[in-house]
Amino acid sequence: MTDVGQAFKVGRYAVHFHMIGAVHKSYAKGCSTHEGHNRAYTIHGTHYLRLIDNSAYHVKGHNVFVEDAAETKNYIKGNLVMKIVRSMSLLNTD
């Protein structure tokens, strides 16, 4: 995926699992995000998600973002993130 996400807009991320609860069969595997404008992979209010062997290159902000820290039982493994670009669009830590 190239040129994805919308800068300065909350919730407009390349891949966003948003408030869907337990997702025992859901995953993002082998995806590539590059030249992104607002975070690569976001997990919010989602549990049991598998985020495996994905990559992010030159994406603004957090590239693998667990939004509230209340998300549980997610499996994040083997992802590669390179050349993160600082963004002032959302959080100070982005």
PDB file of N, CA and C in Angstrom:
ATOM      1  N   MET A   1       0.856  -1.157   0.000  1.00  0.00           N
ATOM      2  CA  MET A   1       0.000   0.000   0.000  1.00  0.00           C
ATOM      3  C   MET A   1       0.904   1.221   0.000  1.00  0.00           C
ATOM      4  N   THR A   2       0.686   2.102  -0.909  1.00  0.00           N
ATOM      5  CA  THR A   2       1.477   3.326  -1.008  1.00  0.00           C
ATOM      6  C   THR A   2       0.569   4.532  -0.887  1.00  0.00           C
ATOM      7  N   ASP A   3       1.101   5.582  -0.251  1.00  0.00           N
ATOM      8  CA  ASP A   3       0.390   6.861  -0.169  1.00  0.00           C
ATOM      9  C   ASP A   3      -0.950   6.697   0.556  1.00  0.00           C
ATOM     10  N   VAL A   4      -0.912   6.032   1.717  1.00  0.00           N
ATOM     11  CA  VAL A   4      -2.134   5.748   2.470  1.00  0.00           C
ATOM     12  C   VAL A   4      -2.182   6.534   3.772  1.00  0.00           C
ATOM     13  N   GLY A   5      -3.345   6.578   4.384  1.00  0.00           N
ATOM     14  CA  GLY A   5      -3.554   7.336   5.612  1.00  0.00           C
ATOM     15  C   GLY A   5      -3.762   8.814   5.307  1.00  0.00           C
ATOM     16  N   GLN A   6      -4.459   9.493   6.183  1.00  0.00           N
ATOM     17  CA  GLN A   6      -4.710  10.921   5.991  1.00  0.00           C
ATOM     18  C   GLN A   6      -4.123  11.689   7.169  1.00  0.00           C
ATOM     19  N   ALA A   7      -3.124  12.490   6.902  1.00  0.00           N
ATOM     20  CA  ALA A   7      -2.464  13.265   7.952  1.00  0.00           C
ATOM     21  C   ALA A   7      -3.449  14.208   8.625  1.00  0.00           C
ATOM     22  N   PHE A   8      -3.247  14.422   9.913  1.00  0.00           N
ATOM     23  CA  PHE A   8      -4.038  15.346  10.727  1.00  0.00           C
ATOM     24  C   PHE A   8      -5.487  14.900  10.925  1.00  0.00           C
ATOM     25  N   LYS A   9      -5.805  13.640  10.654  1.00  0.00           N
ATOM     26  CA  LYS A   9      -7.163  13.129  10.845  1.00  0.00           C
ATOM     27  C   LYS A   9      -7.139  11.892  11.722  1.00  0.00           C
ATOM     28  N   VAL A  10      -7.796  11.968  12.865  1.00  0.00           N
ATOM     29  CA  VAL A  10      -7.869  10.838  13.782  1.00  0.00           C
ATOM     30  C   VAL A  10      -8.619   9.686  13.120  1.00  0.00           C
ATOM     31  N   GLY A  11      -8.090   8.490  13.244  1.00  0.00           N
ATOM     32  CA  GLY A  11      -8.754   7.300  12.709  1.00  0.00           C
ATOM     33  C   GLY A  11      -8.515   7.037  11.240  1.00  0.00           C
ATOM     34  N   ARG A  12      -7.769   7.880  10.580  1.00  0.00           N
ATOM     35  CA  ARG A  12      -7.523   7.693   9.139  1.00  0.00           C
ATOM     36  C   ARG A  12      -6.142   7.103   8.929  1.00  0.00           C
ATOM     37  N   TYR A  13      -6.019   5.816   9.300  1.00  0.00           N
ATOM     38  CA  TYR A  13      -4.746   5.115   9.245  1.00  0.00           C
ATOM     39  C   TYR A  13      -4.775   4.084   8.116  1.00  0.00           C
ATOM     40  N   ALA A  14      -3.619   3.629   7.700  1.00  0.00           N
ATOM     41  CA  ALA A  14      -3.538   2.658   6.599  1.00  0.00           C
ATOM     42  C   ALA A  14      -4.314   1.381   6.912  1.00  0.00           C
ATOM     43  N   VAL A  15      -4.010   0.744   8.042  1.00  0.00           N
ATOM     44  CA  VAL A  15      -4.722  -0.458   8.476  1.00  0.00           C
ATOM     45  C   VAL A  15      -5.187  -0.192   9.900  1.00  0.00           C
ATOM     46  N   HIS A  16      -6.500  -0.224  10.131  1.00  0.00           N
ATOM     47  CA  HIS A  16      -7.056   0.182  11.422  1.00  0.00           C
ATOM     48  C   HIS A  16      -8.119  -0.815  11.862  1.00  0.00           C
ATOM     49  N   PHE A  17      -7.800  -1.576  12.893  1.00  0.00           N
ATOM     50  CA  PHE A  17      -8.781  -2.480  13.497  1.00  0.00           C
ATOM     51  C   PHE A  17      -9.420  -1.688  14.626  1.00  0.00           C
ATOM     52  N   HIS A  18     -10.668  -1.265  14.450  1.00  0.00           N
ATOM     53  CA  HIS A  18     -11.293  -0.285  15.340  1.00  0.00           C
ATOM     54  C   HIS A  18     -12.514  -0.839  16.070  1.00  0.00           C
ATOM     55  N   MET A  19     -12.373  -0.995  17.397  1.00  0.00           N
ATOM     56  CA  MET A  19     -13.495  -1.315  18.275  1.00  0.00           C
ATOM     57  C   MET A  19     -14.326  -2.508  17.793  1.00  0.00           C
ATOM     58  N   ILE A  20     -13.654  -3.600  17.452  1.00  0.00           N
ATOM     59  CA  ILE A  20     -14.398  -4.765  16.961  1.00  0.00           C
ATOM     60  C   ILE A  20     -14.366  -5.942  17.927  1.00  0.00           C
ATOM     61  N   GLY A  21     -13.782  -5.734  19.114  1.00  0.00           N
ATOM     62  CA  GLY A  21     -13.815  -6.767  20.145  1.00  0.00           C
ATOM     63  C   GLY A  21     -12.949  -7.962  19.815  1.00  0.00           C
ATOM     64  N   ALA A  22     -13.407  -9.146  20.175  1.00  0.00           N
ATOM     65  CA  ALA A  22     -12.650 -10.385  19.964  1.00  0.00           C
ATOM     66  C   ALA A  22     -12.736 -10.820  18.509  1.00  0.00           C
ATOM     67  N   VAL A  23     -11.576 -10.993  17.900  1.00  0.00           N
ATOM     68  CA  VAL A  23     -11.509 -11.357  16.478  1.00  0.00           C
ATOM     69  C   VAL A  23     -10.578 -12.567  16.308  1.00  0.00           C
ATOM     70  N   HIS A  24     -11.004 -13.700  16.781  1.00  0.00           N
ATOM     71  CA  HIS A  24     -10.163 -14.900  16.816  1.00  0.00           C
ATOM     72  C   HIS A  24      -9.637 -15.322  15.447  1.00  0.00           C
ATOM     73  N   LYS A  25     -10.313 -14.985  14.379  1.00  0.00           N
ATOM     74  CA  LYS A  25      -9.886 -15.426  13.049  1.00  0.00           C
ATOM     75  C   LYS A  25      -9.320 -14.291  12.189  1.00  0.00           C
ATOM     76  N   SER A  26      -9.186 -13.097  12.738  1.00  0.00           N
ATOM     77  CA  SER A  26      -8.719 -11.956  11.950  1.00  0.00           C
ATOM     78  C   SER A  26      -7.216 -11.763  12.061  1.00  0.00           C
ATOM     79  N   TYR A  27      -6.620 -11.269  10.983  1.00  0.00           N
ATOM     80  CA  TYR A  27      -5.183 -11.040  10.966  1.00  0.00           C
ATOM     81  C   TYR A  27      -4.799 -10.070   9.852  1.00  0.00           C
ATOM     82  N   ALA A  28      -3.613  -9.513   9.984  1.00  0.00           N
ATOM     83  CA  ALA A  28      -2.947  -8.807   8.896  1.00  0.00           C
ATOM     84  C   ALA A  28      -1.598  -9.503   8.779  1.00  0.00           C
ATOM     85  N   LYS A  29      -1.344 -10.130   7.650  1.00  0.00           N
ATOM     86  CA  LYS A  29      -0.131 -10.924   7.482  1.00  0.00           C
ATOM     87  C   LYS A  29       0.495 -10.640   6.119  1.00  0.00           C
ATOM     88  N   GLY A  30       1.776 -10.302   6.135  1.00  0.00           N
ATOM     89  CA  GLY A  30       2.515 -10.104   4.889  1.00  0.00           C
ATOM     90  C   GLY A  30       2.161  -8.834   4.142  1.00  0.00           C
ATOM     91  N   CYS A  31       1.633  -7.853   4.821  1.00  0.00           N
ATOM     92  CA  CYS A  31       1.282  -6.582   4.177  1.00  0.00           C
ATOM     93  C   CYS A  31       2.487  -5.641   4.180  1.00  0.00           C
ATOM     94  N   SER A  32       2.509  -4.719   3.240  1.00  0.00           N
ATOM     95  CA  SER A  32       3.576  -3.729   3.170  1.00  0.00           C
ATOM     96  C   SER A  32       2.952  -2.344   3.041  1.00  0.00           C
ATOM     97  N   THR A  33       3.353  -1.450   3.910  1.00  0.00           N
ATOM     98  CA  THR A  33       2.881  -0.068   3.868  1.00  0.00           C
ATOM     99  C   THR A  33       4.089   0.833   3.707  1.00  0.00           C
ATOM    100  N   HIS A  34       4.065   1.707   2.710  1.00  0.00           N
ATOM    101  CA  HIS A  34       5.182   2.631   2.535  1.00  0.00           C
ATOM    102  C   HIS A  34       4.691   3.980   2.045  1.00  0.00           C
ATOM    103  N   GLU A  35       5.458   4.998   2.394  1.00  0.00           N
ATOM    104  CA  GLU A  35       5.118   6.386   2.083  1.00  0.00           C
ATOM    105  C   GLU A  35       3.750   6.747   2.661  1.00  0.00           C
ATOM    106  N   GLY A  36       3.492   6.330   3.904  1.00  0.00           N
ATOM    107  CA  GLY A  36       2.203   6.578   4.544  1.00  0.00           C
ATOM    108  C   GLY A  36       2.162   7.925   5.258  1.00  0.00           C
ATOM    109  N   HIS A  37       0.982   8.504   5.343  1.00  0.00           N
ATOM    110  CA  HIS A  37       0.802   9.831   5.926  1.00  0.00           C
ATOM    111  C   HIS A  37       0.332   9.813   7.372  1.00  0.00           C
ATOM    112  N   ASN A  38      -0.085   8.635   7.902  1.00  0.00           N
ATOM    113  CA  ASN A  38      -0.615   8.614   9.260  1.00  0.00           C
ATOM    114  C   ASN A  38      -0.684   7.185   9.789  1.00  0.00           C
ATOM    115  N   ARG A  39       0.347   6.734  10.472  1.00  0.00           N
ATOM    116  CA  ARG A  39       0.411   5.416  11.108  1.00  0.00           C
ATOM    117  C   ARG A  39       0.188   4.265  10.120  1.00  0.00           C
ATOM    118  N   ALA A  40       0.824   3.154  10.386  1.00  0.00           N
ATOM    119  CA  ALA A  40       0.712   2.013   9.480  1.00  0.00           C
ATOM    120  C   ALA A  40      -0.333   0.996   9.949  1.00  0.00           C
ATOM    121  N   TYR A  41      -0.173   0.457  11.163  1.00  0.00           N
ATOM    122  CA  TYR A  41      -1.072  -0.581  11.670  1.00  0.00           C
ATOM    123  C   TYR A  41      -1.563  -0.160  13.049  1.00  0.00           C
ATOM    124  N   THR A  42      -2.854   0.034  13.198  1.00  0.00           N
ATOM    125  CA  THR A  42      -3.428   0.494  14.466  1.00  0.00           C
ATOM    126  C   THR A  42      -4.412  -0.544  14.996  1.00  0.00           C
ATOM    127  N   ILE A  43      -4.270  -0.846  16.285  1.00  0.00           N
ATOM    128  CA  ILE A  43      -5.167  -1.778  16.969  1.00  0.00           C
ATOM    129  C   ILE A  43      -5.872  -1.002  18.073  1.00  0.00           C
ATOM    130  N   HIS A  44      -7.204  -0.913  17.993  1.00  0.00           N
ATOM    131  CA  HIS A  44      -7.983  -0.140  18.964  1.00  0.00           C
ATOM    132  C   HIS A  44      -9.228  -0.923  19.352  1.00  0.00           C
ATOM    133  N   GLY A  45      -9.337  -1.247  20.633  1.00  0.00           N
ATOM    134  CA  GLY A  45     -10.529  -1.958  21.100  1.00  0.00           C
ATOM    135  C   GLY A  45     -10.710  -3.309  20.446  1.00  0.00           C
ATOM    136  N   THR A  46      -9.612  -3.960  20.138  1.00  0.00           N
ATOM    137  CA  THR A  46      -9.624  -5.229  19.423  1.00  0.00           C
ATOM    138  C   THR A  46      -8.772  -6.236  20.185  1.00  0.00           C
ATOM    139  N   HIS A  47      -9.230  -7.469  20.255  1.00  0.00           N
ATOM    140  CA  HIS A  47      -8.544  -8.506  21.012  1.00  0.00           C
ATOM    141  C   HIS A  47      -8.357  -9.757  20.146  1.00  0.00           C
ATOM    142  N   TYR A  48      -7.273 -10.486  20.370  1.00  0.00           N
ATOM    143  CA  TYR A  48      -6.944 -11.731  19.678  1.00  0.00           C
ATOM    144  C   TYR A  48      -6.554 -11.530  18.211  1.00  0.00           C
ATOM    145  N   LEU A  49      -6.199 -10.345  17.837  1.00  0.00           N
ATOM    146  CA  LEU A  49      -5.762 -10.061  16.462  1.00  0.00           C
ATOM    147  C   LEU A  49      -4.339 -10.576  16.262  1.00  0.00           C
ATOM    148  N   ARG A  50      -4.029 -11.034  15.064  1.00  0.00           N
ATOM    149  CA  ARG A  50      -2.663 -11.444  14.715  1.00  0.00           C
ATOM    150  C   ARG A  50      -2.096 -10.466  13.697  1.00  0.00           C
ATOM    151  N   LEU A  51      -0.980  -9.852  14.045  1.00  0.00           N
ATOM    152  CA  LEU A  51      -0.272  -8.902  13.175  1.00  0.00           C
ATOM    153  C   LEU A  51       1.108  -9.505  12.928  1.00  0.00           C
ATOM    154  N   ILE A  52       1.270 -10.175  11.788  1.00  0.00           N
ATOM    155  CA  ILE A  52       2.439 -11.032  11.556  1.00  0.00           C
ATOM    156  C   ILE A  52       3.131 -10.710  10.227  1.00  0.00           C
ATOM    157  N   ASP A  53       4.446 -10.560  10.284  1.00  0.00           N
ATOM    158  CA  ASP A  53       5.307 -10.440   9.094  1.00  0.00           C
ATOM    159  C   ASP A  53       4.898  -9.302   8.155  1.00  0.00           C
ATOM    160  N   ASN A  54       4.517  -8.182   8.708  1.00  0.00           N
ATOM    161  CA  ASN A  54       4.186  -6.998   7.914  1.00  0.00           C
ATOM    162  C   ASN A  54       5.385  -6.069   7.893  1.00  0.00           C
ATOM    163  N   SER A  55       5.364  -5.095   6.998  1.00  0.00           N
ATOM    164  CA  SER A  55       6.437  -4.107   6.972  1.00  0.00           C
ATOM    165  C   SER A  55       5.847  -2.713   6.822  1.00  0.00           C
ATOM    166  N   ALA A  56       6.603  -1.750   7.315  1.00  0.00           N
ATOM    167  CA  ALA A  56       6.238  -0.337   7.169  1.00  0.00           C
ATOM    168  C   ALA A  56       7.521   0.427   6.878  1.00  0.00           C
ATOM    169  N   TYR A  57       7.494   1.267   5.865  1.00  0.00           N
ATOM    170  CA  TYR A  57       8.669   2.037   5.467  1.00  0.00           C
ATOM    171  C   TYR A  57       8.257   3.478   5.181  1.00  0.00           C
ATOM    172  N   HIS A  58       8.931   4.406   5.826  1.00  0.00           N
ATOM    173  CA  HIS A  58       8.714   5.839   5.610  1.00  0.00           C
ATOM    174  C   HIS A  58       7.253   6.228   5.844  1.00  0.00           C
ATOM    175  N   VAL A  59       6.752   5.846   7.009  1.00  0.00           N
ATOM    176  CA  VAL A  59       5.378   6.159   7.408  1.00  0.00           C
ATOM    177  C   VAL A  59       5.436   7.145   8.570  1.00  0.00           C
ATOM    178  N   LYS A  60       4.570   8.137   8.554  1.00  0.00           N
ATOM    179  CA  LYS A  60       4.538   9.151   9.614  1.00  0.00           C
ATOM    180  C   LYS A  60       3.859   8.616  10.870  1.00  0.00           C
ATOM    181  N   GLY A  61       4.443   8.942  12.012  1.00  0.00           N
ATOM    182  CA  GLY A  61       3.840   8.587  13.296  1.00  0.00           C
ATOM    183  C   GLY A  61       4.142   7.168  13.728  1.00  0.00           C
ATOM    184  N   HIS A  62       3.419   6.715  14.743  1.00  0.00           N
ATOM    185  CA  HIS A  62       3.594   5.344  15.233  1.00  0.00           C
ATOM    186  C   HIS A  62       3.274   4.377  14.103  1.00  0.00           C
ATOM    187  N   ASN A  63       4.125   3.421  13.891  1.00  0.00           N
ATOM    188  CA  ASN A  63       3.891   2.485  12.791  1.00  0.00           C
ATOM    189  C   ASN A  63       3.116   1.253  13.217  1.00  0.00           C
ATOM    190  N   VAL A  64       3.310   0.784  14.436  1.00  0.00           N
ATOM    191  CA  VAL A  64       2.479  -0.260  15.034  1.00  0.00           C
ATOM    192  C   VAL A  64       1.941   0.366  16.315  1.00  0.00           C
ATOM    193  N   PHE A  65       0.667   0.699  16.315  1.00  0.00           N
ATOM    194  CA  PHE A  65       0.081   1.512  17.381  1.00  0.00           C
ATOM    195  C   PHE A  65      -1.045   0.760  18.072  1.00  0.00           C
ATOM    196  N   VAL A  66      -0.848   0.480  19.367  1.00  0.00           N
ATOM    197  CA  VAL A  66      -1.905  -0.101  20.192  1.00  0.00           C
ATOM    198  C   VAL A  66      -2.500   1.074  20.946  1.00  0.00           C
ATOM    199  N   GLU A  67      -3.716   1.446  20.601  1.00  0.00           N
ATOM    200  CA  GLU A  67      -4.255   2.756  20.945  1.00  0.00           C
ATOM    201  C   GLU A  67      -4.521   3.016  22.425  1.00  0.00           C
ATOM    202  N   ASP A  68      -5.242   2.163  23.110  1.00  0.00           N
ATOM    203  CA  ASP A  68      -5.634   2.465  24.492  1.00  0.00           C
ATOM    204  C   ASP A  68      -4.899   1.660  25.550  1.00  0.00           C
ATOM    205  N   ALA A  69      -4.115   0.708  25.168  1.00  0.00           N
ATOM    206  CA  ALA A  69      -3.434  -0.210  26.081  1.00  0.00           C
ATOM    207  C   ALA A  69      -4.427  -1.097  26.837  1.00  0.00           C
ATOM    208  N   ALA A  70      -5.672  -1.105  26.423  1.00  0.00           N
ATOM    209  CA  ALA A  70      -6.685  -2.000  26.993  1.00  0.00           C
ATOM    210  C   ALA A  70      -6.895  -3.200  26.069  1.00  0.00           C
ATOM    211  N   GLU A  71      -6.283  -3.183  24.920  1.00  0.00           N
ATOM    212  CA  GLU A  71      -6.383  -4.272  23.959  1.00  0.00           C
ATOM    213  C   GLU A  71      -5.584  -5.457  24.504  1.00  0.00           C
ATOM    214  N   THR A  72      -6.170  -6.635  24.457  1.00  0.00           N
ATOM    215  CA  THR A  72      -5.519  -7.801  25.050  1.00  0.00           C
ATOM    216  C   THR A  72      -5.436  -8.974  24.079  1.00  0.00           C
ATOM    217  N   LYS A  73      -4.514  -9.867  24.361  1.00  0.00           N
ATOM    218  CA  LYS A  73      -4.353 -11.140  23.644  1.00  0.00           C
ATOM    219  C   LYS A  73      -4.017 -10.970  22.165  1.00  0.00           C
ATOM    220  N   ASN A  74      -3.504  -9.819  21.766  1.00  0.00           N
ATOM    221  CA  ASN A  74      -3.075  -9.628  20.389  1.00  0.00           C
ATOM    222  C   ASN A  74      -1.676 -10.203  20.222  1.00  0.00           C
ATOM    223  N   TYR A  75      -1.410 -10.739  19.039  1.00  0.00           N
ATOM    224  CA  TYR A  75      -0.136 -11.395  18.743  1.00  0.00           C
ATOM    225  C   TYR A  75       0.569 -10.583  17.667  1.00  0.00           C
ATOM    226  N   ILE A  76       1.655  -9.926  18.042  1.00  0.00           N
ATOM    227  CA  ILE A  76       2.400  -9.063  17.119  1.00  0.00           C
ATOM    228  C   ILE A  76       3.801  -9.662  16.990  1.00  0.00           C
ATOM    229  N   LYS A  77       4.123 -10.169  15.794  1.00  0.00           N
ATOM    230  CA  LYS A  77       5.383 -10.898  15.619  1.00  0.00           C
ATOM    231  C   LYS A  77       5.959 -10.704  14.221  1.00  0.00           C
ATOM    232  N   GLY A  78       7.269 -10.544  14.152  1.00  0.00           N
ATOM    233  CA  GLY A  78       7.990 -10.566  12.881  1.00  0.00           C
ATOM    234  C   GLY A  78       7.738  -9.376  11.976  1.00  0.00           C
ATOM    235  N   ASN A  79       7.296  -8.260  12.515  1.00  0.00           N
ATOM    236  CA  ASN A  79       7.044  -7.072  11.702  1.00  0.00           C
ATOM    237  C   ASN A  79       8.316  -6.244  11.582  1.00  0.00           C
ATOM    238  N   LEU A  80       8.490  -5.590  10.453  1.00  0.00           N
ATOM    239  CA  LEU A  80       9.675  -4.784  10.191  1.00  0.00           C
ATOM    240  C   LEU A  80       9.243  -3.343   9.941  1.00  0.00           C
ATOM    241  N   VAL A  81       9.821  -2.418  10.696  1.00  0.00           N
ATOM    242  CA  VAL A  81       9.498  -0.994  10.559  1.00  0.00           C
ATOM    243  C   VAL A  81      10.800  -0.242  10.318  1.00  0.00           C
ATOM    244  N   MET A  82      10.841   0.555   9.245  1.00  0.00           N
ATOM    245  CA  MET A  82      12.054   1.298   8.896  1.00  0.00           C
ATOM    246  C   MET A  82      11.731   2.743   8.536  1.00  0.00           C
ATOM    247  N   LYS A  83      12.663   3.620   8.837  1.00  0.00           N
ATOM    248  CA  LYS A  83      12.615   5.031   8.459  1.00  0.00           C
ATOM    249  C   LYS A  83      11.303   5.705   8.879  1.00  0.00           C
ATOM    250  N   ILE A  84      11.031   5.675  10.177  1.00  0.00           N
ATOM    251  CA  ILE A  84       9.839   6.324  10.723  1.00  0.00           C
ATOM    252  C   ILE A  84       9.989   7.830  10.569  1.00  0.00           C
ATOM    253  N   VAL A  85       8.903   8.488  10.218  1.00  0.00           N
ATOM    254  CA  VAL A  85       8.912   9.934  10.037  1.00  0.00           C
ATOM    255  C   VAL A  85       8.102  10.568  11.157  1.00  0.00           C
ATOM    256  N   ARG A  86       8.694  11.531  11.842  1.00  0.00           N
ATOM    257  CA  ARG A  86       7.982  12.204  12.930  1.00  0.00           C
ATOM    258  C   ARG A  86       6.798  12.979  12.363  1.00  0.00           C
ATOM    259  N   SER A  87       5.710  12.929  13.119  1.00  0.00           N
ATOM    260  CA  SER A  87       4.484  13.623  12.715  1.00  0.00           C
ATOM    261  C   SER A  87       3.967  14.446  13.884  1.00  0.00           C
ATOM    262  N   MET A  88       3.524  15.626  13.628  1.00  0.00           N
ATOM    263  CA  MET A  88       2.928  16.466  14.670  1.00  0.00           C
ATOM    264  C   MET A  88       1.408  16.476  14.552  1.00  0.00           C
ATOM    265  N   SER A  89       0.867  15.494  13.863  1.00  0.00           N
ATOM    266  CA  SER A  89      -0.551  15.515  13.548  1.00  0.00           C
ATOM    267  C   SER A  89      -1.463  15.012  14.655  1.00  0.00           C
ATOM    268  N   LEU A  90      -1.000  14.106  15.536  1.00  0.00           N
ATOM    269  CA  LEU A  90      -1.891  13.517  16.520  1.00  0.00           C
ATOM    270  C   LEU A  90      -1.355  13.627  17.944  1.00  0.00           C
ATOM    271  N   LEU A  91      -0.436  12.752  18.326  1.00  0.00           N
ATOM    272  CA  LEU A  91       0.133  12.751  19.674  1.00  0.00           C
ATOM    273  C   LEU A  91       1.541  13.335  19.641  1.00  0.00           C
ATOM    274  N   ASN A  92       1.986  13.846  20.762  1.00  0.00           N
ATOM    275  CA  ASN A  92       3.362  14.340  20.837  1.00  0.00           C
ATOM    276  C   ASN A  92       4.357  13.240  20.556  1.00  0.00           C
ATOM    277  N   THR A  93       4.010  11.997  20.888  1.00  0.00           N
ATOM    278  CA  THR A  93       4.924  10.873  20.665  1.00  0.00           C
ATOM    279  C   THR A  93       4.946  10.397  19.220  1.00  0.00           C
ATOM    280  N   ASP A  94       4.038  10.851  18.399  1.00  0.00           N
ATOM    281  CA  ASP A  94       4.063  10.496  16.981  1.00  0.00           C
ATOM    282  C   ASP A  94       5.223  11.193  16.318  1.00  0.00           C
TER     283      ASP A  94
END
